[in-house]
Amino acid sequence: MRLQSISTEHIAIDPDYCFGKPRIAGTRMPVATIAKLYLEMGESLEDIAQEYDLSLASVYAAIAYYYDHREEIDGHTAESEAYVEQMKRNSPPSPLQEKLRAIRGE
């Protein structure tokens, strides 16, 4: 892993937490989650900070870090989503899913 120059006051990267993905220091909140809440779901940074009991500075730092590393973070997110979809396709339906399909006549 190459060394990166980052502010460790708000953002942490540790292979033992969150699979080594950048997160808000002292939490398990990934930078990618903050970005998704803000950019895709339209939540304000102030609301995110309040809802998840985070400092406003750390939420702003997460967004700044995201913009500085957008390609890398989006790539990790896409890989994770593809993996989940693959697991769904390769897993047999649960008993509940089978019952729901039977009720629907599928």
PDB file of N, CA and C in Angstrom:
ATOM      1  N   MET A   1       0.854  -1.175   0.000  1.00  0.00           N
ATOM      2  CA  MET A   1       0.000   0.000   0.000  1.00  0.00           C
ATOM      3  C   MET A   1       0.894   1.230   0.000  1.00  0.00           C
ATOM      4  N   ARG A   2       0.639   2.137  -0.921  1.00  0.00           N
ATOM      5  CA  ARG A   2       1.484   3.329  -0.995  1.00  0.00           C
ATOM      6  C   ARG A   2       1.053   4.343   0.053  1.00  0.00           C
ATOM      7  N   LEU A   3       1.989   5.108   0.506  1.00  0.00           N
ATOM      8  CA  LEU A   3       1.704   6.125   1.511  1.00  0.00           C
ATOM      9  C   LEU A   3       0.950   7.276   0.886  1.00  0.00           C
ATOM     10  N   GLN A   4      -0.024   7.782   1.622  1.00  0.00           N
ATOM     11  CA  GLN A   4      -0.802   8.904   1.150  1.00  0.00           C
ATOM     12  C   GLN A   4      -0.683  10.035   2.151  1.00  0.00           C
ATOM     13  N   SER A   5      -0.707  11.232   1.657  1.00  0.00           N
ATOM     14  CA  SER A   5      -0.691  12.394   2.528  1.00  0.00           C
ATOM     15  C   SER A   5      -2.134  12.835   2.743  1.00  0.00           C
ATOM     16  N   ILE A   6      -2.678  12.505   3.903  1.00  0.00           N
ATOM     17  CA  ILE A   6      -4.050  12.871   4.216  1.00  0.00           C
ATOM     18  C   ILE A   6      -4.101  13.482   5.607  1.00  0.00           C
ATOM     19  N   SER A   7      -5.147  14.205   5.847  1.00  0.00           N
ATOM     20  CA  SER A   7      -5.364  14.752   7.181  1.00  0.00           C
ATOM     21  C   SER A   7      -5.920  13.634   8.046  1.00  0.00           C
ATOM     22  N   THR A   8      -5.187  13.253   9.056  1.00  0.00           N
ATOM     23  CA  THR A   8      -5.654  12.174   9.926  1.00  0.00           C
ATOM     24  C   THR A   8      -6.577  12.696  11.022  1.00  0.00           C
ATOM     25  N   GLU A   9      -6.805  13.992  11.000  1.00  0.00           N
ATOM     26  CA  GLU A   9      -7.714  14.555  11.994  1.00  0.00           C
ATOM     27  C   GLU A   9      -9.143  14.080  11.758  1.00  0.00           C
ATOM     28  N   HIS A  10      -9.547  13.953  10.492  1.00  0.00           N
ATOM     29  CA  HIS A  10     -10.932  13.599  10.178  1.00  0.00           C
ATOM     30  C   HIS A  10     -11.081  12.315   9.376  1.00  0.00           C
ATOM     31  N   ILE A  11     -10.085  11.952   8.579  1.00  0.00           N
ATOM     32  CA  ILE A  11     -10.189  10.782   7.708  1.00  0.00           C
ATOM     33  C   ILE A  11      -9.136   9.761   8.116  1.00  0.00           C
ATOM     34  N   ALA A  12      -9.556   8.502   8.190  1.00  0.00           N
ATOM     35  CA  ALA A  12      -8.627   7.422   8.548  1.00  0.00           C
ATOM     36  C   ALA A  12      -8.720   6.317   7.504  1.00  0.00           C
ATOM     37  N   ILE A  13      -7.580   5.682   7.251  1.00  0.00           N
ATOM     38  CA  ILE A  13      -7.521   4.510   6.380  1.00  0.00           C
ATOM     39  C   ILE A  13      -6.711   3.468   7.125  1.00  0.00           C
ATOM     40  N   ASP A  14      -7.368   2.351   7.416  1.00  0.00           N
ATOM     41  CA  ASP A  14      -6.732   1.288   8.187  1.00  0.00           C
ATOM     42  C   ASP A  14      -7.233  -0.039   7.627  1.00  0.00           C
ATOM     43  N   PRO A  15      -6.324  -0.935   7.231  1.00  0.00           N
ATOM     44  CA  PRO A  15      -6.767  -2.209   6.654  1.00  0.00           C
ATOM     45  C   PRO A  15      -7.605  -3.060   7.606  1.00  0.00           C
ATOM     46  N   ASP A  16      -7.568  -2.773   8.896  1.00  0.00           N
ATOM     47  CA  ASP A  16      -8.340  -3.546   9.863  1.00  0.00           C
ATOM     48  C   ASP A  16      -9.772  -3.038  10.045  1.00  0.00           C
ATOM     49  N   TYR A  17     -10.122  -1.923   9.410  1.00  0.00           N
ATOM     50  CA  TYR A  17     -11.462  -1.344   9.538  1.00  0.00           C
ATOM     51  C   TYR A  17     -12.029  -1.047   8.163  1.00  0.00           C
ATOM     52  N   CYS A  18     -13.269  -1.414   7.964  1.00  0.00           N
ATOM     53  CA  CYS A  18     -13.998  -1.094   6.720  1.00  0.00           C
ATOM     54  C   CYS A  18     -13.223  -1.559   5.483  1.00  0.00           C
ATOM     55  N   PHE A  19     -12.547  -2.687   5.593  1.00  0.00           N
ATOM     56  CA  PHE A  19     -11.798  -3.267   4.482  1.00  0.00           C
ATOM     57  C   PHE A  19     -10.760  -2.298   3.912  1.00  0.00           C
ATOM     58  N   GLY A  20     -10.229  -1.423   4.755  1.00  0.00           N
ATOM     59  CA  GLY A  20      -9.199  -0.485   4.330  1.00  0.00           C
ATOM     60  C   GLY A  20      -9.711   0.707   3.545  1.00  0.00           C
ATOM     61  N   LYS A  21     -11.023   0.854   3.476  1.00  0.00           N
ATOM     62  CA  LYS A  21     -11.595   1.989   2.743  1.00  0.00           C
ATOM     63  C   LYS A  21     -11.570   3.228   3.641  1.00  0.00           C
ATOM     64  N   PRO A  22     -11.439   4.403   3.048  1.00  0.00           N
ATOM     65  CA  PRO A  22     -11.399   5.620   3.863  1.00  0.00           C
ATOM     66  C   PRO A  22     -12.704   5.820   4.628  1.00  0.00           C
ATOM     67  N   ARG A  23     -12.552   6.260   5.871  1.00  0.00           N
ATOM     68  CA  ARG A  23     -13.710   6.441   6.744  1.00  0.00           C
ATOM     69  C   ARG A  23     -13.470   7.658   7.620  1.00  0.00           C
ATOM     70  N   ILE A  24     -14.516   8.101   8.266  1.00  0.00           N
ATOM     71  CA  ILE A  24     -14.361   9.192   9.216  1.00  0.00           C
ATOM     72  C   ILE A  24     -13.624   8.636  10.432  1.00  0.00           C
ATOM     73  N   ALA A  25     -12.546   9.290  10.815  1.00  0.00           N
ATOM     74  CA  ALA A  25     -11.710   8.831  11.927  1.00  0.00           C
ATOM     75  C   ALA A  25     -12.541   8.659  13.189  1.00  0.00           C
ATOM     76  N   GLY A  26     -12.277   7.568  13.888  1.00  0.00           N
ATOM     77  CA  GLY A  26     -12.980   7.287  15.133  1.00  0.00           C
ATOM     78  C   GLY A  26     -14.345   6.664  14.942  1.00  0.00           C
ATOM     79  N   THR A  27     -14.717   6.379  13.690  1.00  0.00           N
ATOM     80  CA  THR A  27     -16.020   5.764  13.395  1.00  0.00           C
ATOM     81  C   THR A  27     -15.820   4.664  12.361  1.00  0.00           C
ATOM     82  N   ARG A  28     -16.902   4.003  12.036  1.00  0.00           N
ATOM     83  CA  ARG A  28     -16.903   3.036  10.941  1.00  0.00           C
ATOM     84  C   ARG A  28     -17.665   3.602   9.741  1.00  0.00           C
ATOM     85  N   MET A  29     -17.877   4.906   9.708  1.00  0.00           N
ATOM     86  CA  MET A  29     -18.639   5.548   8.631  1.00  0.00           C
ATOM     87  C   MET A  29     -17.729   5.791   7.428  1.00  0.00           C
ATOM     88  N   PRO A  30     -17.935   5.024   6.337  1.00  0.00           N
ATOM     89  CA  PRO A  30     -17.089   5.200   5.153  1.00  0.00           C
ATOM     90  C   PRO A  30     -17.350   6.533   4.449  1.00  0.00           C
ATOM     91  N   VAL A  31     -16.303   7.060   3.859  1.00  0.00           N
ATOM     92  CA  VAL A  31     -16.417   8.275   3.048  1.00  0.00           C
ATOM     93  C   VAL A  31     -17.436   8.053   1.933  1.00  0.00           C
ATOM     94  N   ALA A  32     -17.437   6.870   1.329  1.00  0.00           N
ATOM     95  CA  ALA A  32     -18.362   6.575   0.236  1.00  0.00           C
ATOM     96  C   ALA A  32     -19.819   6.698   0.681  1.00  0.00           C
ATOM     97  N   THR A  33     -20.120   6.340   1.914  1.00  0.00           N
ATOM     98  CA  THR A  33     -21.486   6.448   2.424  1.00  0.00           C
ATOM     99  C   THR A  33     -21.888   7.906   2.570  1.00  0.00           C
ATOM    100  N   ILE A  34     -20.988   8.720   3.078  1.00  0.00           N
ATOM    101  CA  ILE A  34     -21.271  10.156   3.187  1.00  0.00           C
ATOM    102  C   ILE A  34     -21.546  10.728   1.800  1.00  0.00           C
ATOM    103  N   ALA A  35     -20.707  10.376   0.832  1.00  0.00           N
ATOM    104  CA  ALA A  35     -20.875  10.873  -0.536  1.00  0.00           C
ATOM    105  C   ALA A  35     -22.216  10.438  -1.115  1.00  0.00           C
ATOM    106  N   LYS A  36     -22.593   9.194  -0.883  1.00  0.00           N
ATOM    107  CA  LYS A  36     -23.868   8.694  -1.412  1.00  0.00           C
ATOM    108  C   LYS A  36     -25.049   9.430  -0.777  1.00  0.00           C
ATOM    109  N   LEU A  37     -25.009   9.601   0.540  1.00  0.00           N
ATOM    110  CA  LEU A  37     -26.089  10.310   1.220  1.00  0.00           C
ATOM    111  C   LEU A  37     -26.235  11.731   0.685  1.00  0.00           C
ATOM    112  N   TYR A  38     -25.117  12.369   0.433  1.00  0.00           N
ATOM    113  CA  TYR A  38     -25.124  13.761  -0.008  1.00  0.00           C
ATOM    114  C   TYR A  38     -25.433  13.899  -1.500  1.00  0.00           C
ATOM    115  N   LEU A  39     -24.703  13.168  -2.330  1.00  0.00           N
ATOM    116  CA  LEU A  39     -24.805  13.354  -3.773  1.00  0.00           C
ATOM    117  C   LEU A  39     -25.973  12.619  -4.415  1.00  0.00           C
ATOM    118  N   GLU A  40     -26.279  11.424  -3.937  1.00  0.00           N
ATOM    119  CA  GLU A  40     -27.336  10.631  -4.570  1.00  0.00           C
ATOM    120  C   GLU A  40     -28.683  10.762  -3.865  1.00  0.00           C
ATOM    121  N   MET A  41     -28.647  10.903  -2.545  1.00  0.00           N
ATOM    122  CA  MET A  41     -29.903  10.942  -1.794  1.00  0.00           C
ATOM    123  C   MET A  41     -30.317  12.358  -1.419  1.00  0.00           C
ATOM    124  N   GLY A  42     -29.448  13.326  -1.666  1.00  0.00           N
ATOM    125  CA  GLY A  42     -29.800  14.719  -1.480  1.00  0.00           C
ATOM    126  C   GLY A  42     -29.854  15.221  -0.050  1.00  0.00           C
ATOM    127  N   GLU A  43     -29.251  14.480   0.885  1.00  0.00           N
ATOM    128  CA  GLU A  43     -29.229  14.950   2.269  1.00  0.00           C
ATOM    129  C   GLU A  43     -28.190  16.061   2.412  1.00  0.00           C
ATOM    130  N   SER A  44     -28.497  17.033   3.224  1.00  0.00           N
ATOM    131  CA  SER A  44     -27.526  18.105   3.458  1.00  0.00           C
ATOM    132  C   SER A  44     -26.406  17.578   4.359  1.00  0.00           C
ATOM    133  N   LEU A  45     -25.252  18.200   4.253  1.00  0.00           N
ATOM    134  CA  LEU A  45     -24.130  17.785   5.094  1.00  0.00           C
ATOM    135  C   LEU A  45     -24.441  18.019   6.567  1.00  0.00           C
ATOM    136  N   GLU A  46     -25.171  19.074   6.857  1.00  0.00           N
ATOM    137  CA  GLU A  46     -25.564  19.362   8.239  1.00  0.00           C
ATOM    138  C   GLU A  46     -26.485  18.262   8.778  1.00  0.00           C
ATOM    139  N   ASP A  47     -27.448  17.813   7.945  1.00  0.00           N
ATOM    140  CA  ASP A  47     -28.351  16.738   8.379  1.00  0.00           C
ATOM    141  C   ASP A  47     -27.609  15.426   8.576  1.00  0.00           C
ATOM    142  N   ILE A  48     -26.666  15.130   7.700  1.00  0.00           N
ATOM    143  CA  ILE A  48     -25.873  13.903   7.832  1.00  0.00           C
ATOM    144  C   ILE A  48     -25.106  13.928   9.150  1.00  0.00           C
ATOM    145  N   ALA A  49     -24.457  15.058   9.427  1.00  0.00           N
ATOM    146  CA  ALA A  49     -23.691  15.176  10.669  1.00  0.00           C
ATOM    147  C   ALA A  49     -24.588  14.962  11.878  1.00  0.00           C
ATOM    148  N   GLN A  50     -25.746  15.577  11.872  1.00  0.00           N
ATOM    149  CA  GLN A  50     -26.654  15.461  13.011  1.00  0.00           C
ATOM    150  C   GLN A  50     -27.230  14.053  13.131  1.00  0.00           C
ATOM    151  N   GLU A  51     -27.675  13.494  12.011  1.00  0.00           N
ATOM    152  CA  GLU A  51     -28.309  12.171  12.028  1.00  0.00           C
ATOM    153  C   GLU A  51     -27.363  11.068  12.490  1.00  0.00           C
ATOM    154  N   TYR A  52     -26.092  11.172  12.135  1.00  0.00           N
ATOM    155  CA  TYR A  52     -25.125  10.122  12.461  1.00  0.00           C
ATOM    156  C   TYR A  52     -24.176  10.523  13.584  1.00  0.00           C
ATOM    157  N   ASP A  53     -24.486  11.613  14.261  1.00  0.00           N
ATOM    158  CA  ASP A  53     -23.702  12.094  15.397  1.00  0.00           C
ATOM    159  C   ASP A  53     -22.225  12.255  15.034  1.00  0.00           C
ATOM    160  N   LEU A  54     -21.998  12.975  13.932  1.00  0.00           N
ATOM    161  CA  LEU A  54     -20.651  13.252  13.441  1.00  0.00           C
ATOM    162  C   LEU A  54     -20.405  14.749  13.513  1.00  0.00           C
ATOM    163  N   SER A  55     -19.154  15.136  13.633  1.00  0.00           N
ATOM    164  CA  SER A  55     -18.868  16.571  13.591  1.00  0.00           C
ATOM    165  C   SER A  55     -19.065  17.062  12.163  1.00  0.00           C
ATOM    166  N   LEU A  56     -19.512  18.285  12.052  1.00  0.00           N
ATOM    167  CA  LEU A  56     -19.713  18.866  10.728  1.00  0.00           C
ATOM    168  C   LEU A  56     -18.386  18.934   9.968  1.00  0.00           C
ATOM    169  N   ALA A  57     -17.308  19.221  10.671  1.00  0.00           N
ATOM    170  CA  ALA A  57     -15.990  19.269  10.036  1.00  0.00           C
ATOM    171  C   ALA A  57     -15.612  17.918   9.431  1.00  0.00           C
ATOM    172  N   SER A  58     -15.933  16.833  10.130  1.00  0.00           N
ATOM    173  CA  SER A  58     -15.577  15.512   9.604  1.00  0.00           C
ATOM    174  C   SER A  58     -16.411  15.163   8.376  1.00  0.00           C
ATOM    175  N   VAL A  59     -17.663  15.589   8.342  1.00  0.00           N
ATOM    176  CA  VAL A  59     -18.513  15.328   7.176  1.00  0.00           C
ATOM    177  C   VAL A  59     -18.008  16.132   5.977  1.00  0.00           C
ATOM    178  N   TYR A  60     -17.656  17.388   6.188  1.00  0.00           N
ATOM    179  CA  TYR A  60     -17.088  18.187   5.106  1.00  0.00           C
ATOM    180  C   TYR A  60     -15.754  17.604   4.648  1.00  0.00           C
ATOM    181  N   ALA A  61     -14.949  17.116   5.578  1.00  0.00           N
ATOM    182  CA  ALA A  61     -13.670  16.488   5.221  1.00  0.00           C
ATOM    183  C   ALA A  61     -13.902  15.235   4.386  1.00  0.00           C
ATOM    184  N   ALA A  62     -14.942  14.484   4.714  1.00  0.00           N
ATOM    185  CA  ALA A  62     -15.267  13.275   3.949  1.00  0.00           C
ATOM    186  C   ALA A  62     -15.632  13.627   2.513  1.00  0.00           C
ATOM    187  N   ILE A  63     -16.419  14.677   2.332  1.00  0.00           N
ATOM    188  CA  ILE A  63     -16.787  15.095   0.975  1.00  0.00           C
ATOM    189  C   ILE A  63     -15.555  15.611   0.223  1.00  0.00           C
ATOM    190  N   ALA A  64     -14.718  16.371   0.889  1.00  0.00           N
ATOM    191  CA  ALA A  64     -13.493  16.851   0.240  1.00  0.00           C
ATOM    192  C   ALA A  64     -12.615  15.671  -0.160  1.00  0.00           C
ATOM    193  N   TYR A  65     -12.476  14.697   0.729  1.00  0.00           N
ATOM    194  CA  TYR A  65     -11.671  13.520   0.417  1.00  0.00           C
ATOM    195  C   TYR A  65     -12.284  12.763  -0.762  1.00  0.00           C
ATOM    196  N   TYR A  66     -13.605  12.634  -0.762  1.00  0.00           N
ATOM    197  CA  TYR A  66     -14.283  11.951  -1.866  1.00  0.00           C
ATOM    198  C   TYR A  66     -13.955  12.629  -3.197  1.00  0.00           C
ATOM    199  N   TYR A  67     -14.081  13.952  -3.260  1.00  0.00           N
ATOM    200  CA  TYR A  67     -13.803  14.654  -4.513  1.00  0.00           C
ATOM    201  C   TYR A  67     -12.339  14.498  -4.932  1.00  0.00           C
ATOM    202  N   ASP A  68     -11.432  14.435  -3.984  1.00  0.00           N
ATOM    203  CA  ASP A  68     -10.017  14.248  -4.304  1.00  0.00           C
ATOM    204  C   ASP A  68      -9.712  12.832  -4.782  1.00  0.00           C
ATOM    205  N   HIS A  69     -10.560  11.853  -4.416  1.00  0.00           N
ATOM    206  CA  HIS A  69     -10.311  10.438  -4.732  1.00  0.00           C
ATOM    207  C   HIS A  69     -11.541   9.784  -5.359  1.00  0.00           C
ATOM    208  N   ARG A  70     -12.299  10.556  -6.085  1.00  0.00           N
ATOM    209  CA  ARG A  70     -13.594  10.104  -6.610  1.00  0.00           C
ATOM    210  C   ARG A  70     -13.498   8.838  -7.454  1.00  0.00           C
ATOM    211  N   GLU A  71     -12.578   8.794  -8.376  1.00  0.00           N
ATOM    212  CA  GLU A  71     -12.460   7.642  -9.277  1.00  0.00           C
ATOM    213  C   GLU A  71     -12.188   6.353  -8.488  1.00  0.00           C
ATOM    214  N   GLU A  72     -11.277   6.427  -7.555  1.00  0.00           N
ATOM    215  CA  GLU A  72     -10.922   5.255  -6.744  1.00  0.00           C
ATOM    216  C   GLU A  72     -12.111   4.794  -5.883  1.00  0.00           C
ATOM    217  N   ILE A  73     -12.762   5.735  -5.219  1.00  0.00           N
ATOM    218  CA  ILE A  73     -13.879   5.384  -4.340  1.00  0.00           C
ATOM    219  C   ILE A  73     -15.050   4.839  -5.149  1.00  0.00           C
ATOM    220  N   ASP A  74     -15.371   5.478  -6.273  1.00  0.00           N
ATOM    221  CA  ASP A  74     -16.459   4.989  -7.123  1.00  0.00           C
ATOM    222  C   ASP A  74     -16.140   3.604  -7.676  1.00  0.00           C
ATOM    223  N   GLY A  75     -14.873   3.351  -7.973  1.00  0.00           N
ATOM    224  CA  GLY A  75     -14.472   2.024  -8.452  1.00  0.00           C
ATOM    225  C   GLY A  75     -14.685   0.953  -7.395  1.00  0.00           C
ATOM    226  N   HIS A  76     -14.302   1.241  -6.148  1.00  0.00           N
ATOM    227  CA  HIS A  76     -14.527   0.290  -5.055  1.00  0.00           C
ATOM    228  C   HIS A  76     -16.018   0.044  -4.844  1.00  0.00           C
ATOM    229  N   THR A  77     -16.804   1.102  -4.926  1.00  0.00           N
ATOM    230  CA  THR A  77     -18.254   0.974  -4.743  1.00  0.00           C
ATOM    231  C   THR A  77     -18.854   0.102  -5.841  1.00  0.00           C
ATOM    232  N   ALA A  78     -18.455   0.318  -7.083  1.00  0.00           N
ATOM    233  CA  ALA A  78     -18.969  -0.481  -8.200  1.00  0.00           C
ATOM    234  C   ALA A  78     -18.584  -1.952  -8.042  1.00  0.00           C
ATOM    235  N   GLU A  79     -17.357  -2.208  -7.613  1.00  0.00           N
ATOM    236  CA  GLU A  79     -16.919  -3.590  -7.381  1.00  0.00           C
ATOM    237  C   GLU A  79     -17.765  -4.256  -6.303  1.00  0.00           C
ATOM    238  N   SER A  80     -18.023  -3.539  -5.219  1.00  0.00           N
ATOM    239  CA  SER A  80     -18.829  -4.089  -4.123  1.00  0.00           C
ATOM    240  C   SER A  80     -20.252  -4.386  -4.582  1.00  0.00           C
ATOM    241  N   GLU A  81     -20.836  -3.470  -5.341  1.00  0.00           N
ATOM    242  CA  GLU A  81     -22.202  -3.676  -5.824  1.00  0.00           C
ATOM    243  C   GLU A  81     -22.273  -4.856  -6.789  1.00  0.00           C
ATOM    244  N   ALA A  82     -21.273  -5.007  -7.652  1.00  0.00           N
ATOM    245  CA  ALA A  82     -21.235  -6.137  -8.582  1.00  0.00           C
ATOM    246  C   ALA A  82     -21.111  -7.453  -7.825  1.00  0.00           C
ATOM    247  N   TYR A  83     -20.309  -7.463  -6.779  1.00  0.00           N
ATOM    248  CA  TYR A  83     -20.141  -8.665  -5.965  1.00  0.00           C
ATOM    249  C   TYR A  83     -21.465  -9.060  -5.302  1.00  0.00           C
ATOM    250  N   VAL A  84     -22.177  -8.095  -4.758  1.00  0.00           N
ATOM    251  CA  VAL A  84     -23.464  -8.373  -4.115  1.00  0.00           C
ATOM    252  C   VAL A  84     -24.448  -8.939  -5.136  1.00  0.00           C
ATOM    253  N   GLU A  85     -24.502  -8.353  -6.318  1.00  0.00           N
ATOM    254  CA  GLU A  85     -25.409  -8.844  -7.358  1.00  0.00           C
ATOM    255  C   GLU A  85     -25.060 -10.271  -7.771  1.00  0.00           C
ATOM    256  N   GLN A  86     -23.768 -10.550  -7.879  1.00  0.00           N
ATOM    257  CA  GLN A  86     -23.334 -11.902  -8.220  1.00  0.00           C
ATOM    258  C   GLN A  86     -23.759 -12.892  -7.137  1.00  0.00           C
ATOM    259  N   MET A  87     -23.589 -12.512  -5.890  1.00  0.00           N
ATOM    260  CA  MET A  87     -23.984 -13.388  -4.783  1.00  0.00           C
ATOM    261  C   MET A  87     -25.496 -13.633  -4.808  1.00  0.00           C
ATOM    262  N   LYS A  88     -26.269 -12.613  -5.111  1.00  0.00           N
ATOM    263  CA  LYS A  88     -27.725 -12.777  -5.198  1.00  0.00           C
ATOM    264  C   LYS A  88     -28.102 -13.765  -6.295  1.00  0.00           C
ATOM    265  N   ARG A  89     -27.445 -13.629  -7.456  1.00  0.00           N
ATOM    266  CA  ARG A  89     -27.753 -14.513  -8.589  1.00  0.00           C
ATOM    267  C   ARG A  89     -27.359 -15.958  -8.302  1.00  0.00           C
ATOM    268  N   ASN A  90     -26.285 -16.147  -7.548  1.00  0.00           N
ATOM    269  CA  ASN A  90     -25.767 -17.493  -7.295  1.00  0.00           C
ATOM    270  C   ASN A  90     -26.319 -18.146  -6.038  1.00  0.00           C
ATOM    271  N   SER A  91     -27.144 -17.449  -5.298  1.00  0.00           N
ATOM    272  CA  SER A  91     -27.692 -18.008  -4.060  1.00  0.00           C
ATOM    273  C   SER A  91     -29.091 -18.557  -4.314  1.00  0.00           C
ATOM    274  N   PRO A  92     -29.396 -19.713  -3.740  1.00  0.00           N
ATOM    275  CA  PRO A  92     -30.750 -20.247  -3.908  1.00  0.00           C
ATOM    276  C   PRO A  92     -31.753 -19.360  -3.168  1.00  0.00           C
ATOM    277  N   PRO A  93     -33.002 -19.350  -3.624  1.00  0.00           N
ATOM    278  CA  PRO A  93     -34.000 -18.528  -2.935  1.00  0.00           C
ATOM    279  C   PRO A  93     -34.242 -19.044  -1.518  1.00  0.00           C
ATOM    280  N   SER A  94     -34.519 -18.118  -0.636  1.00  0.00           N
ATOM    281  CA  SER A  94     -34.824 -18.497   0.748  1.00  0.00           C
ATOM    282  C   SER A  94     -36.236 -19.082   0.799  1.00  0.00           C
ATOM    283  N   PRO A  95     -36.567 -19.780   1.888  1.00  0.00           N
ATOM    284  CA  PRO A  95     -37.932 -20.302   2.025  1.00  0.00           C
ATOM    285  C   PRO A  95     -38.988 -19.189   1.921  1.00  0.00           C
ATOM    286  N   LEU A  96     -38.701 -18.023   2.460  1.00  0.00           N
ATOM    287  CA  LEU A  96     -39.646 -16.913   2.356  1.00  0.00           C
ATOM    288  C   LEU A  96     -39.816 -16.479   0.908  1.00  0.00           C
ATOM    289  N   GLN A  97     -38.725 -16.365   0.169  1.00  0.00           N
ATOM    290  CA  GLN A  97     -38.816 -16.001  -1.239  1.00  0.00           C
ATOM    291  C   GLN A  97     -39.631 -17.022  -2.021  1.00  0.00           C
ATOM    292  N   GLU A  98     -39.437 -18.302  -1.709  1.00  0.00           N
ATOM    293  CA  GLU A  98     -40.192 -19.363  -2.396  1.00  0.00           C
ATOM    294  C   GLU A  98     -41.679 -19.221  -2.086  1.00  0.00           C
ATOM    295  N   LYS A  99     -42.038 -18.947  -0.834  1.00  0.00           N
ATOM    296  CA  LYS A  99     -43.444 -18.776  -0.471  1.00  0.00           C
ATOM    297  C   LYS A  99     -44.063 -17.567  -1.180  1.00  0.00           C
ATOM    298  N   LEU A 100     -43.314 -16.472  -1.236  1.00  0.00           N
ATOM    299  CA  LEU A 100     -43.826 -15.285  -1.913  1.00  0.00           C
ATOM    300  C   LEU A 100     -44.023 -15.538  -3.405  1.00  0.00           C
ATOM    301  N   ARG A 101     -43.102 -16.259  -4.012  1.00  0.00           N
ATOM    302  CA  ARG A 101     -43.263 -16.594  -5.433  1.00  0.00           C
ATOM    303  C   ARG A 101     -44.481 -17.475  -5.647  1.00  0.00           C
ATOM    304  N   ALA A 102     -44.700 -18.414  -4.738  1.00  0.00           N
ATOM    305  CA  ALA A 102     -45.867 -19.289  -4.846  1.00  0.00           C
ATOM    306  C   ALA A 102     -47.159 -18.490  -4.718  1.00  0.00           C
ATOM    307  N   ILE A 103     -47.190 -17.552  -3.781  1.00  0.00           N
ATOM    308  CA  ILE A 103     -48.375 -16.717  -3.590  1.00  0.00           C
ATOM    309  C   ILE A 103     -48.644 -15.885  -4.852  1.00  0.00           C
ATOM    310  N   ARG A 104     -47.593 -15.369  -5.446  1.00  0.00           N
ATOM    311  CA  ARG A 104     -47.720 -14.531  -6.654  1.00  0.00           C
ATOM    312  C   ARG A 104     -47.970 -15.376  -7.909  1.00  0.00           C
ATOM    313  N   GLY A 105     -47.766 -16.660  -7.801  1.00  0.00           N
ATOM    314  CA  GLY A 105     -47.935 -17.536  -8.970  1.00  0.00           C
ATOM    315  C   GLY A 105     -46.780 -17.468  -9.951  1.00  0.00           C
ATOM    316  N   GLU A 106     -45.610 -17.165  -9.450  1.00  0.00           N
ATOM    317  CA  GLU A 106     -44.428 -17.071 -10.325  1.00  0.00           C
ATOM    318  C   GLU A 106     -43.794 -18.420 -10.533  1.00  0.00           C
TER     319      GLU A 106
END
